[in-house]
Amino acid sequence: MNITHQNIITLLDYVKIDSFSIVCHFKCKETNKRVISTLAFEPYSGKIEFTWYDLLLHPIKSYNRYYHTPITIYSSEINETIVLKAFKKVSKHFKWSSDTNSYICV
């Protein structure tokens, strides 16, 4: 089964973010087991482009644009989010159940 946000959002119990890591707790409703996934904090995984003009004439604005670009925790429209990366990391602890049409912790 393809891992999508729609398939895993019911498993997400909570997310904790600090300056070094992101911890996602997934809880299976069938077995009541909890699986924790920890990722290194990455401020932004996309590409931010700057021109020399921006860097030379607007260094503070360029710095703020790079370091204050928001990260995407969850989105049904974006495929590479924190929640999806975290689930893929621990997906071996889950199997797809056709009966319940959801992932179940094994």
Protein backbone atom coordinates (compact mmCIF):
# COMPACT_ATOMS: atom_id res chain seq x y z
CA MET A 1 0.00 0.00 0.00
CA ASN A 2 1.25 3.46 -0.86
CA ILE A 3 1.97 5.59 2.23
CA THR A 4 -0.04 8.80 2.08
CA HIS A 5 -1.20 11.36 4.61
CA GLN A 6 -4.74 10.02 4.38
CA ASN A 7 -3.48 6.55 5.38
CA ILE A 8 -1.44 7.64 8.40
CA ILE A 9 -3.15 10.69 9.88
CA THR A 10 -5.36 8.56 12.13
CA LEU A 11 -2.22 7.04 13.67
CA LEU A 12 -0.66 10.39 14.59
CA ASP A 13 -1.00 10.96 18.33
CA TYR A 14 1.17 14.07 18.70
CA VAL A 15 4.27 15.85 17.44
CA LYS A 16 6.96 17.49 19.58
CA ILE A 17 9.44 19.92 18.02
CA ASP A 18 12.50 21.44 19.64
CA SER A 19 15.58 23.09 18.17
CA PHE A 20 17.37 19.77 17.54
CA SER A 21 14.74 17.15 16.78
CA ILE A 22 11.19 16.41 15.76
CA VAL A 23 9.45 13.54 17.53
CA CYS A 24 6.27 12.04 16.07
CA HIS A 25 4.19 9.63 18.15
CA PHE A 26 2.06 7.17 16.18
CA LYS A 27 -0.56 5.20 18.09
CA CYS A 28 -2.43 2.21 16.69
CA LYS A 29 -6.10 2.19 17.66
CA GLU A 30 -6.40 -1.57 17.09
CA THR A 31 -3.49 -2.73 19.27
CA ASN A 32 -3.10 0.40 21.41
CA LYS A 33 0.68 0.28 20.76
CA ARG A 34 2.71 3.45 20.34
CA VAL A 35 5.65 3.84 17.93
CA ILE A 36 7.92 6.89 18.24
CA SER A 37 9.89 8.31 15.34
CA THR A 38 12.64 10.89 15.83
CA LEU A 39 14.04 13.02 13.04
CA ALA A 40 16.79 15.61 13.05
CA PHE A 41 15.38 19.11 12.85
CA GLU A 42 15.70 20.45 9.31
CA PRO A 43 14.46 24.01 8.99
CA TYR A 44 13.62 23.63 5.32
CA SER A 45 14.22 20.84 2.85
CA GLY A 46 13.35 22.85 -0.27
CA LYS A 47 15.48 25.15 -2.33
CA ILE A 48 15.78 28.84 -1.51
CA GLU A 49 17.62 30.90 -4.11
CA PHE A 50 19.40 34.17 -3.48
CA THR A 51 21.02 36.55 -5.91
CA TRP A 52 24.27 38.37 -5.19
CA TYR A 53 22.21 41.52 -5.18
CA ASP A 54 20.06 40.14 -2.33
CA LEU A 55 23.06 39.01 -0.30
CA LEU A 56 25.04 42.22 -0.69
CA LEU A 57 22.30 44.80 -0.39
CA HIS A 58 19.86 42.96 1.88
CA PRO A 59 21.87 40.54 4.06
CA ILE A 60 19.47 40.60 7.04
CA LYS A 61 16.43 40.06 4.84
CA SER A 62 18.24 37.17 3.09
CA TYR A 63 19.20 35.62 6.43
CA ASN A 64 15.64 35.88 7.74
CA ARG A 65 14.21 34.42 4.56
CA TYR A 66 16.48 31.38 4.86
CA TYR A 67 16.23 30.73 8.59
CA HIS A 68 12.59 31.65 9.08
CA THR A 69 11.06 29.72 6.21
CA PRO A 70 8.34 27.55 7.74
CA ILE A 71 8.55 23.77 7.73
CA THR A 72 5.53 21.70 6.78
CA ILE A 73 4.42 19.37 9.54
CA TYR A 74 1.36 18.00 7.76
CA SER A 75 -0.34 18.75 4.47
CA SER A 76 -2.56 16.66 2.23
CA GLU A 77 -1.17 18.51 -0.81
CA ILE A 78 2.59 18.17 -0.15
CA ASN A 79 4.25 14.76 -0.25
CA GLU A 80 7.44 15.42 1.73
CA THR A 81 6.32 16.55 5.15
CA ILE A 82 7.65 15.86 8.62
CA VAL A 83 4.84 13.46 9.48
CA LEU A 84 5.30 11.44 6.29
CA LYS A 85 9.09 11.25 6.72
CA ALA A 86 8.66 10.17 10.33
CA PHE A 87 6.17 7.44 9.44
CA LYS A 88 8.34 6.09 6.62
CA LYS A 89 11.19 5.77 9.13
CA VAL A 90 9.11 3.46 11.39
CA SER A 91 6.84 1.90 8.76
CA LYS A 92 8.35 -1.56 9.35
CA HIS A 93 6.38 -1.63 12.62
CA PHE A 94 3.08 -1.34 10.72
CA LYS A 95 1.24 -3.42 8.17
CA TRP A 96 -1.69 -2.51 5.96
CA SER A 97 -4.98 -4.14 6.93
CA SER A 98 -7.54 -4.55 4.16
CA ASP A 99 -10.20 -5.35 6.76
CA THR A 100 -9.93 -2.01 8.55
CA ASN A 101 -8.53 -0.14 5.54
CA SER A 102 -5.73 1.29 7.72
CA TYR A 103 -2.26 0.60 9.05
CA ILE A 104 -2.01 -1.60 12.15
CA CYS A 105 0.94 -1.91 14.47
CA VAL A 106 2.51 -5.39 14.43
